[in-house]
Structures are given as structure tokens and as C-alpha cells.
C-alpha atoms as a PDB file:
ATOM      1  CA  MET A   1      14.073 -83.957-278.303  1.00  0.00           C
ATOM      2  CA  GLN A   2      10.803 -84.154-278.557  1.00  0.00           C
ATOM      3  CA  SER A   3      10.144 -87.627-277.326  1.00  0.00           C
ATOM      4  CA  VAL A   4      12.457 -87.314-274.296  1.00  0.00           C
ATOM      5  CA  ILE A   5      10.470 -84.037-273.465  1.00  0.00           C
ATOM      6  CA  ALA A   6       7.576 -85.730-273.824  1.00  0.00           C
ATOM      7  CA  GLY A   7       8.386 -88.689-271.981  1.00  0.00           C
ATOM      8  CA  ASN A   8       9.561 -86.701-268.907  1.00  0.00           C
ATOM      9  CA  LEU A   9       6.388 -84.460-269.227  1.00  0.00           C
ATOM     10  CA  GLN A  10       4.321 -87.802-268.661  1.00  0.00           C
ATOM     11  CA  ARG A  11       6.422 -89.012-265.778  1.00  0.00           C
ATOM     12  CA  VAL A  12       6.073 -85.859-263.982  1.00  0.00           C
ATOM     13  CA  GLN A  13       2.005 -85.774-264.836  1.00  0.00           C
ATOM     14  CA  GLU A  14       1.687 -89.436-263.305  1.00  0.00           C
ATOM     15  CA  ARG A  15       3.906 -88.143-260.097  1.00  0.00           C
ATOM     16  CA  ILE A  16       1.356 -85.053-259.748  1.00  0.00           C
ATOM     17  CA  ALA A  17      -1.368 -87.619-260.389  1.00  0.00           C
ATOM     18  CA  ARG A  18      -0.607 -90.239-257.368  1.00  0.00           C
ATOM     19  CA  ALA A  19       0.737 -87.271-255.232  1.00  0.00           C
ATOM     20  CA  ALA A  20      -3.003 -85.866-255.638  1.00  0.00           C
ATOM     21  CA  GLU A  21      -4.553 -89.185-255.115  1.00  0.00           C
ATOM     22  CA  ARG A  22      -2.454 -89.972-252.105  1.00  0.00           C
ATOM     23  CA  ALA A  23      -3.492 -86.505-250.356  1.00  0.00           C
ATOM     24  CA  GLY A  24      -7.392 -87.647-251.391  1.00  0.00           C
ATOM     25  CA  ARG A  25      -7.285 -84.731-254.029  1.00  0.00           C
ATOM     26  CA  ARG A  26      -8.211 -85.044-257.507  1.00  0.00           C
ATOM     27  CA  PRO A  27      -5.293 -84.680-259.784  1.00  0.00           C
ATOM     28  CA  GLY A  28      -6.975 -82.002-262.069  1.00  0.00           C
ATOM     29  CA  ASP A  29      -6.766 -79.730-259.201  1.00  0.00           C
ATOM     30  CA  VAL A  30      -3.134 -79.465-259.729  1.00  0.00           C
ATOM     31  CA  ARG A  31      -1.895 -77.515-262.283  1.00  0.00           C
ATOM     32  CA  LEU A  32       1.896 -78.072-263.723  1.00  0.00           C
ATOM     33  CA  VAL A  33       3.730 -74.935-264.698  1.00  0.00           C
ATOM     34  CA  ALA A  34       6.917 -75.824-266.633  1.00  0.00           C
ATOM     35  CA  VAL A  35       9.408 -73.811-265.647  1.00  0.00           C
ATOM     36  CA  THR A  36      11.665 -73.051-268.938  1.00  0.00           C
ATOM     37  CA  LYS A  37      14.398 -70.567-267.584  1.00  0.00           C
ATOM     38  CA  TYR A  38      17.440 -73.140-268.301  1.00  0.00           C
ATOM     39  CA  VAL A  39      16.332 -73.923-271.795  1.00  0.00           C
ATOM     40  CA  GLY A  40      15.836 -72.149-275.129  1.00  0.00           C
ATOM     41  CA  PRO A  41      12.697 -71.688-277.072  1.00  0.00           C
ATOM     42  CA  ARG A  42      12.733 -75.003-279.054  1.00  0.00           C
ATOM     43  CA  GLU A  43      12.652 -77.079-275.881  1.00  0.00           C
ATOM     44  CA  ALA A  44       9.949 -74.976-274.540  1.00  0.00           C
ATOM     45  CA  ALA A  45       8.046 -75.085-277.649  1.00  0.00           C
ATOM     46  CA  ALA A  46       8.282 -78.972-277.331  1.00  0.00           C
ATOM     47  CA  VAL A  47       6.856 -78.921-273.917  1.00  0.00           C
ATOM     48  CA  VAL A  48       3.571 -77.276-275.275  1.00  0.00           C
ATOM     49  CA  ALA A  49       3.561 -79.549-278.153  1.00  0.00           C
ATOM     50  CA  ALA A  50       3.542 -82.207-275.537  1.00  0.00           C
ATOM     51  CA  GLY A  51       0.634 -80.777-273.975  1.00  0.00           C
ATOM     52  CA  CYS A  52       1.552 -78.434-271.389  1.00  0.00           C
ATOM     53  CA  GLN A  53       0.447 -74.937-272.357  1.00  0.00           C
ATOM     54  CA  ASP A  54       1.327 -73.159-268.860  1.00  0.00           C
ATOM     55  CA  LEU A  55       5.050 -71.801-268.992  1.00  0.00           C
ATOM     56  CA  GLY A  56       7.026 -69.927-266.548  1.00  0.00           C
ATOM     57  CA  GLU A  57      10.049 -68.045-266.413  1.00  0.00           C
ATOM     58  CA  SER A  58      12.248 -66.502-263.593  1.00  0.00           C
ATOM     59  CA  ARG A  59      13.494 -63.497-265.428  1.00  0.00           C
ATOM     60  CA  PRO A  60      11.497 -61.014-267.397  1.00  0.00           C
ATOM     61  CA  GLN A  61      13.582 -60.582-270.331  1.00  0.00           C
ATOM     62  CA  ASP A  62      13.971 -64.366-270.917  1.00  0.00           C
ATOM     63  CA  LEU A  63      10.051 -64.129-270.812  1.00  0.00           C
ATOM     64  CA  TRP A  64       9.932 -61.524-273.420  1.00  0.00           C
ATOM     65  CA  SER A  65      11.891 -63.312-275.988  1.00  0.00           C
ATOM     66  CA  LYS A  66      10.539 -66.520-275.441  1.00  0.00           C
ATOM     67  CA  ALA A  67       7.013 -65.269-275.785  1.00  0.00           C
ATOM     68  CA  GLU A  68       7.776 -63.744-278.609  1.00  0.00           C
ATOM     69  CA  ALA A  69       9.623 -66.546-280.410  1.00  0.00           C
ATOM     70  CA  LEU A  70       6.462 -68.721-279.254  1.00  0.00           C
ATOM     71  CA  GLN A  71       3.809 -65.847-280.249  1.00  0.00           C
ATOM     72  CA  ALA A  72       2.097 -68.483-282.358  1.00  0.00           C
ATOM     73  CA  MET A  73       1.551 -71.226-279.661  1.00  0.00           C
ATOM     74  CA  PRO A  74      -1.029 -71.615-277.110  1.00  0.00           C
ATOM     75  CA  VAL A  75       1.114 -70.430-274.019  1.00  0.00           C
ATOM     76  CA  ARG A  76      -0.152 -69.124-270.953  1.00  0.00           C
ATOM     77  CA  TRP A  77       2.934 -67.312-269.333  1.00  0.00           C
ATOM     78  CA  HIS A  78       3.567 -67.115-265.625  1.00  0.00           C
ATOM     79  CA  LEU A  79       6.266 -64.820-264.248  1.00  0.00           C
ATOM     80  CA  ILE A  80       7.696 -66.627-261.351  1.00  0.00           C
ATOM     81  CA  GLY A  81      10.650 -64.628-260.279  1.00  0.00           C
ATOM     82  CA  HIS A  82      11.141 -61.002-258.992  1.00  0.00           C
ATOM     83  CA  LEU A  83       9.748 -58.530-261.333  1.00  0.00           C
ATOM     84  CA  GLN A  84      11.926 -54.978-261.163  1.00  0.00           C
ATOM     85  CA  ARG A  85       9.450 -52.260-261.357  1.00  0.00           C
ATOM     86  CA  ASN A  86      11.086 -50.726-264.458  1.00  0.00           C
ATOM     87  CA  LYS A  87      10.389 -54.062-266.038  1.00  0.00           C
ATOM     88  CA  ILE A  88       6.235 -54.052-265.550  1.00  0.00           C
ATOM     89  CA  ARG A  89       5.442 -52.345-268.448  1.00  0.00           C
ATOM     90  CA  ARG A  90       6.874 -54.251-270.819  1.00  0.00           C
ATOM     91  CA  THR A  91       6.455 -57.623-269.027  1.00  0.00           C
ATOM     92  CA  LEU A  92       2.267 -57.420-268.344  1.00  0.00           C
ATOM     93  CA  PRO A  93       1.336 -57.726-271.716  1.00  0.00           C
ATOM     94  CA  TYR A  94       2.587 -61.077-271.954  1.00  0.00           C
ATOM     95  CA  VAL A  95       1.968 -62.185-268.278  1.00  0.00           C
ATOM     96  CA  GLY A  96      -1.372 -64.650-267.854  1.00  0.00           C
ATOM     97  CA  LEU A  97      -0.173 -64.824-264.037  1.00  0.00           C
ATOM     98  CA  LEU A  98       2.266 -63.046-261.732  1.00  0.00           C
ATOM     99  CA  HIS A  99       3.373 -65.598-258.917  1.00  0.00           C
ATOM    100  CA  SER A 100       5.806 -62.806-257.326  1.00  0.00           C
ATOM    101  CA  ALA A 101       3.637 -59.699-256.213  1.00  0.00           C
ATOM    102  CA  ASP A 102       5.970 -59.366-253.310  1.00  0.00           C
ATOM    103  CA  SER A 103       5.872 -55.719-251.638  1.00  0.00           C
ATOM    104  CA  LEU A 104       3.248 -53.025-251.391  1.00  0.00           C
ATOM    105  CA  PRO A 105       5.570 -50.786-253.661  1.00  0.00           C
ATOM    106  CA  MET A 106       5.258 -53.541-256.186  1.00  0.00           C
ATOM    107  CA  LEU A 107       1.334 -53.762-255.850  1.00  0.00           C
ATOM    108  CA  ALA A 108       0.717 -49.960-256.354  1.00  0.00           C
ATOM    109  CA  ALA A 109       3.071 -50.270-259.555  1.00  0.00           C
ATOM    110  CA  LEU A 110       1.432 -52.997-261.124  1.00  0.00           C
ATOM    111  CA  ASP A 111      -1.947 -51.323-260.236  1.00  0.00           C
ATOM    112  CA  ARG A 112      -0.914 -48.128-262.040  1.00  0.00           C
ATOM    113  CA  VAL A 113       0.601 -49.573-265.133  1.00  0.00           C
ATOM    114  CA  ALA A 114      -2.390 -52.161-265.363  1.00  0.00           C
ATOM    115  CA  ALA A 115      -4.711 -49.199-265.411  1.00  0.00           C
ATOM    116  CA  GLU A 116      -2.546 -47.095-268.161  1.00  0.00           C
ATOM    117  CA  LEU A 117      -2.415 -50.169-270.227  1.00  0.00           C
ATOM    118  CA  ARG A 118      -6.317 -51.042-269.293  1.00  0.00           C
ATOM    119  CA  ARG A 119      -5.897 -54.663-268.243  1.00  0.00           C
ATOM    120  CA  VAL A 120      -6.486 -56.695-265.109  1.00  0.00           C
ATOM    121  CA  VAL A 121      -3.664 -58.389-264.027  1.00  0.00           C
ATOM    122  CA  ASP A 122      -4.021 -61.872-262.139  1.00  0.00           C
ATOM    123  CA  VAL A 123      -1.381 -61.895-259.307  1.00  0.00           C
ATOM    124  CA  LEU A 124      -0.256 -64.193-256.454  1.00  0.00           C
ATOM    125  CA  LEU A 125       1.054 -62.597-253.228  1.00  0.00           C
ATOM    126  CA  GLU A 126       4.430 -64.115-252.508  1.00  0.00           C
ATOM    127  CA  VAL A 127       5.250 -65.153-249.037  1.00  0.00           C
ATOM    128  CA  ASN A 128       8.745 -65.588-247.454  1.00  0.00           C
ATOM    129  CA  ILE A 129       7.881 -68.666-245.500  1.00  0.00           C
ATOM    130  CA  SER A 130      11.330 -69.410-244.511  1.00  0.00           C
ATOM    131  CA  ARG A 131      12.320 -65.920-243.685  1.00  0.00           C
ATOM    132  CA  GLU A 132      15.571 -65.924-245.740  1.00  0.00           C
ATOM    133  CA  GLN A 133      16.953 -62.839-245.907  1.00  0.00           C
ATOM    134  CA  ALA A 134      17.889 -63.146-249.581  1.00  0.00           C
ATOM    135  CA  LYS A 135      14.504 -63.652-250.753  1.00  0.00           C
ATOM    136  CA  HIS A 136      11.562 -61.687-251.584  1.00  0.00           C
ATOM    137  CA  GLY A 137       8.139 -61.575-250.168  1.00  0.00           C
ATOM    138  CA  PHE A 138       5.811 -60.660-247.653  1.00  0.00           C
ATOM    139  CA  LEU A 139       6.387 -62.306-244.170  1.00  0.00           C
ATOM    140  CA  ALA A 140       3.409 -64.107-242.966  1.00  0.00           C
ATOM    141  CA  GLU A 141       2.518 -61.736-240.330  1.00  0.00           C
ATOM    142  CA  GLN A 142       2.452 -58.815-242.801  1.00  0.00           C
ATOM    143  CA  LEU A 143      -0.746 -60.177-244.865  1.00  0.00           C
ATOM    144  CA  GLU A 144      -3.325 -59.933-242.498  1.00  0.00           C
ATOM    145  CA  PRO A 145      -2.936 -56.393-242.287  1.00  0.00           C
ATOM    146  CA  LEU A 146      -2.242 -55.856-246.008  1.00  0.00           C
ATOM    147  CA  LEU A 147      -6.120 -57.486-246.789  1.00  0.00           C
ATOM    148  CA  PRO A 148      -8.029 -54.525-246.551  1.00  0.00           C
ATOM    149  CA  GLN A 149      -5.980 -52.302-248.716  1.00  0.00           C
ATOM    150  CA  LEU A 150      -6.035 -55.099-251.878  1.00  0.00           C
ATOM    151  CA  PRO A 151      -9.591 -53.955-252.997  1.00  0.00           C
ATOM    152  CA  THR A 152      -8.037 -50.421-253.581  1.00  0.00           C
ATOM    153  CA  TYR A 153      -5.722 -51.951-256.422  1.00  0.00           C
ATOM    154  CA  ARG A 154      -8.617 -52.058-259.010  1.00  0.00           C
ATOM    155  CA  GLN A 155      -6.587 -53.606-261.765  1.00  0.00           C
ATOM    156  CA  LEU A 156      -5.335 -56.358-259.954  1.00  0.00           C
ATOM    157  CA  ARG A 157      -7.028 -59.908-258.888  1.00  0.00           C
ATOM    158  CA  VAL A 158      -5.398 -61.132-256.143  1.00  0.00           C
ATOM    159  CA  LEU A 159      -5.949 -65.469-256.507  1.00  0.00           C
ATOM    160  CA  GLY A 160      -3.641 -66.663-253.815  1.00  0.00           C
ATOM    161  CA  LEU A 161      -0.233 -67.236-252.559  1.00  0.00           C
ATOM    162  CA  MET A 162       2.975 -68.457-254.091  1.00  0.00           C
ATOM    163  CA  ALA A 163       5.837 -69.505-251.579  1.00  0.00           C
ATOM    164  CA  MET A 164       8.978 -71.838-251.673  1.00  0.00           C
ATOM    165  CA  SER A 165      10.628 -74.198-249.088  1.00  0.00           C
ATOM    166  CA  GLY A 166      13.982 -72.930-247.702  1.00  0.00           C
ATOM    167  CA  LEU A 167      17.140 -73.532-249.311  1.00  0.00           C
ATOM    168  CA  GLY A 168      18.653 -76.694-248.852  1.00  0.00           C
ATOM    169  CA  SER A 169      15.271 -78.080-246.658  1.00  0.00           C
ATOM    170  CA  ALA A 170      15.054 -81.470-246.142  1.00  0.00           C
ATOM    171  CA  PRO A 171      11.366 -82.966-247.311  1.00  0.00           C
ATOM    172  CA  ASP A 172       9.648 -83.172-243.885  1.00  0.00           C
ATOM    173  CA  GLU A 173      11.015 -79.504-243.564  1.00  0.00           C
ATOM    174  CA  ALA A 174       9.884 -78.521-246.767  1.00  0.00           C
ATOM    175  CA  ARG A 175       6.256 -80.001-246.278  1.00  0.00           C
ATOM    176  CA  ARG A 176       6.214 -78.240-242.980  1.00  0.00           C
ATOM    177  CA  GLN A 177       6.801 -74.769-244.266  1.00  0.00           C
ATOM    178  CA  PHE A 178       3.962 -75.851-247.302  1.00  0.00           C
ATOM    179  CA  GLN A 179       1.853 -76.487-244.436  1.00  0.00           C
ATOM    180  CA  GLN A 180       2.685 -73.290-242.866  1.00  0.00           C
ATOM    181  CA  VAL A 181       1.384 -71.654-246.171  1.00  0.00           C
ATOM    182  CA  ARG A 182      -1.779 -73.411-246.391  1.00  0.00           C
ATOM    183  CA  GLN A 183      -2.637 -72.537-242.916  1.00  0.00           C
ATOM    184  CA  LEU A 184      -2.156 -69.117-243.527  1.00  0.00           C
ATOM    185  CA  ARG A 185      -4.082 -69.267-246.510  1.00  0.00           C
ATOM    186  CA  ASP A 186      -7.031 -70.637-244.556  1.00  0.00           C
ATOM    187  CA  GLN A 187      -6.977 -68.153-241.822  1.00  0.00           C
ATOM    188  CA  LEU A 188      -6.749 -65.087-244.150  1.00  0.00           C
ATOM    189  CA  ARG A 189      -9.393 -66.539-246.291  1.00  0.00           C
ATOM    190  CA  ALA A 190     -11.682 -66.284-243.125  1.00  0.00           C
ATOM    191  CA  VAL A 191     -11.243 -62.242-243.049  1.00  0.00           C
ATOM    192  CA  CYS A 192     -10.355 -61.450-246.462  1.00  0.00           C
ATOM    193  CA  PRO A 193     -12.354 -58.707-248.354  1.00  0.00           C
ATOM    194  CA  PRO A 194     -15.077 -60.414-250.780  1.00  0.00           C
ATOM    195  CA  GLU A 195     -13.203 -59.044-253.691  1.00  0.00           C
ATOM    196  CA  VAL A 196     -10.333 -61.058-252.752  1.00  0.00           C
ATOM    197  CA  ARG A 197      -9.767 -64.628-253.622  1.00  0.00           C
ATOM    198  CA  LEU A 198      -7.328 -67.021-252.077  1.00  0.00           C
ATOM    199  CA  ASP A 199      -7.801 -70.412-254.051  1.00  0.00           C
ATOM    200  CA  GLU A 200      -4.515 -70.775-255.579  1.00  0.00           C
ATOM    201  CA  LEU A 201      -1.397 -71.988-253.727  1.00  0.00           C
ATOM    202  CA  SER A 202       1.789 -71.762-255.834  1.00  0.00           C
ATOM    203  CA  MET A 203       4.088 -73.920-253.768  1.00  0.00           C
ATOM    204  CA  GLY A 204       6.695 -76.988-255.015  1.00  0.00           C
ATOM    205  CA  MET A 205       9.316 -77.399-257.726  1.00  0.00           C
ATOM    206  CA  SER A 206      11.149 -80.522-258.985  1.00  0.00           C
ATOM    207  CA  GLY A 207      12.607 -81.406-255.942  1.00  0.00           C
ATOM    208  CA  ASP A 208       9.783 -80.642-253.306  1.00  0.00           C
ATOM    209  CA  PHE A 209       6.134 -80.667-255.275  1.00  0.00           C
ATOM    210  CA  GLU A 210       4.733 -84.014-254.045  1.00  0.00           C
ATOM    211  CA  GLN A 211       5.346 -82.647-250.579  1.00  0.00           C
ATOM    212  CA  ALA A 212       3.619 -79.302-251.812  1.00  0.00           C
ATOM    213  CA  ILE A 213       0.908 -81.110-253.366  1.00  0.00           C
ATOM    214  CA  ALA A 214       0.414 -82.845-249.963  1.00  0.00           C
ATOM    215  CA  GLU A 215      -0.508 -79.455-248.283  1.00  0.00           C
ATOM    216  CA  GLY A 216      -2.647 -78.305-250.750  1.00  0.00           C
ATOM    217  CA  ALA A 217      -0.680 -76.730-253.717  1.00  0.00           C
ATOM    218  CA  THR A 218      -2.857 -76.118-257.041  1.00  0.00           C
ATOM    219  CA  LEU A 219       0.195 -74.953-258.663  1.00  0.00           C
ATOM    220  CA  VAL A 220       3.342 -76.456-258.995  1.00  0.00           C
ATOM    221  CA  ARG A 221       6.576 -75.059-260.768  1.00  0.00           C
ATOM    222  CA  ILE A 222       8.759 -77.681-262.566  1.00  0.00           C
ATOM    223  CA  GLY A 223      11.648 -77.311-264.624  1.00  0.00           C
ATOM    224  CA  SER A 224      14.740 -79.655-264.303  1.00  0.00           C
ATOM    225  CA  ALA A 225      12.435 -82.850-264.163  1.00  0.00           C
ATOM    226  CA  LEU A 226      11.022 -82.040-267.679  1.00  0.00           C
ATOM    227  CA  PHE A 227      14.549 -81.615-269.341  1.00  0.00           C
ATOM    228  CA  GLU A 228      16.402 -84.523-267.908  1.00  0.00           C
ATOM    229  CA  GLY A 229      17.922 -86.609-270.960  1.00  0.00           C
ATOM    230  CA  LEU A 230      18.868 -83.800-272.970  1.00  0.00           C
ATOM    231  CA  ASP A 231      22.303 -83.140-274.256  1.00  0.00           C
END
């Protein structure tokens, strides 16, 4: 298992590097988040042992259990899925970066609980760029009016945007959507308060991360490509 995962990780890292070079970017500008939601703690530990310390989970309860199982390993945990407000308090102590700050009530609740826990939380604003009703996230036009409010959440560090391409999008369509996210980020940067940084773009998964890198992704969330060939 360890050798299979290590080989998969190397191939994914090579693809990331080639995609970055094709876009005129440095490979080191793109960070891989290994999504472990379909595997257990042993496989997740194998990814870390192979050299990837950024792990992502979609469900808070899975993050809790894996974080506890891997607590002796140098893992930076990412929550990439929706976080219900009743799970914030238990989740925040584990999370290095929350990719899915997806509403005003969520931002307010995160800020309140983070203050009670006396910590600052790094977050990304989730954008529903494909405008699918089943997805969480802000619509693109909702973000600029939100910007003046962000500094009032003193326990939150807003570092950028997160988005997913639409379900079943062809590569060209996925790239167009990622381009829209990058353009939105650039527009917001021009008017955002100085306390808000929008450096990060979390875009792209196993099927479309190369298109995301071409459009400026700084974080790619890859799961299935890392675990091919396992029984």
C-alpha cells in the first residue's frame, strides 16, 4: 500500500509541476491537498509518510476521527466540505484551513466560536461559480458587498476563494469556470479592505486540476488519483 500511494503521489506531483510550467508558473506555487474522504487512517498516514502533509476531509466527523488517529504525524488538516454550525466548536481545534466559509451566518458563527476558543481561523470564501442549487457557497455577485464586513470578524483571516467546477463539466467548461473565479478574485482584490488577503485560490480536483492550475489555482484538492490501484 505504501509504495502504491507513494508512486501515485509522485505522478500527481509531476502532473502538477508540468501544468504549472505550461502556465508559466512555478510548481512550488501550487500546493496539493490530499483528500482522504474515501480512505481510512492507514491510507491517510501513508500519504503523509510519502511526503504530503496537507490532508483534506469533506465531513467534519471524519476529520475528527482521522486527526485523532494521526495526531502523532505532522498533518495540516483542511476542511473542504460544508460545516454545520453545530459542529464548529469541535472542528476548529483541528483545522489549519477551512475552505468552505459559505454564508454570512457561517462567518458570524465561526468568528464567535473562534473568539471563545481564543484562536484565529484561516478561511476561504466558497463561491458557487456554477450556480448549482445543490451546492453551497456565495454567488459571485454577493462577494463585493460582503467585503466591508469581513474586517469585523476579528478572529477570521480571509485568505482567498474556493470553488468547484459544475458537475459533469467538460474540460473547457471547467477551465472557463476557473477563469471566472480568478477574474472575480482579481476584481475583489482591487477593492477589498487592507485586512483581507485574497492570495489563495482553491480550485481543481482529480479530474480537472490541470485546468485549475492553468487559471491560477494555488491549492488543488486531489483524492481518487492518489489511491488508484489499492484493493
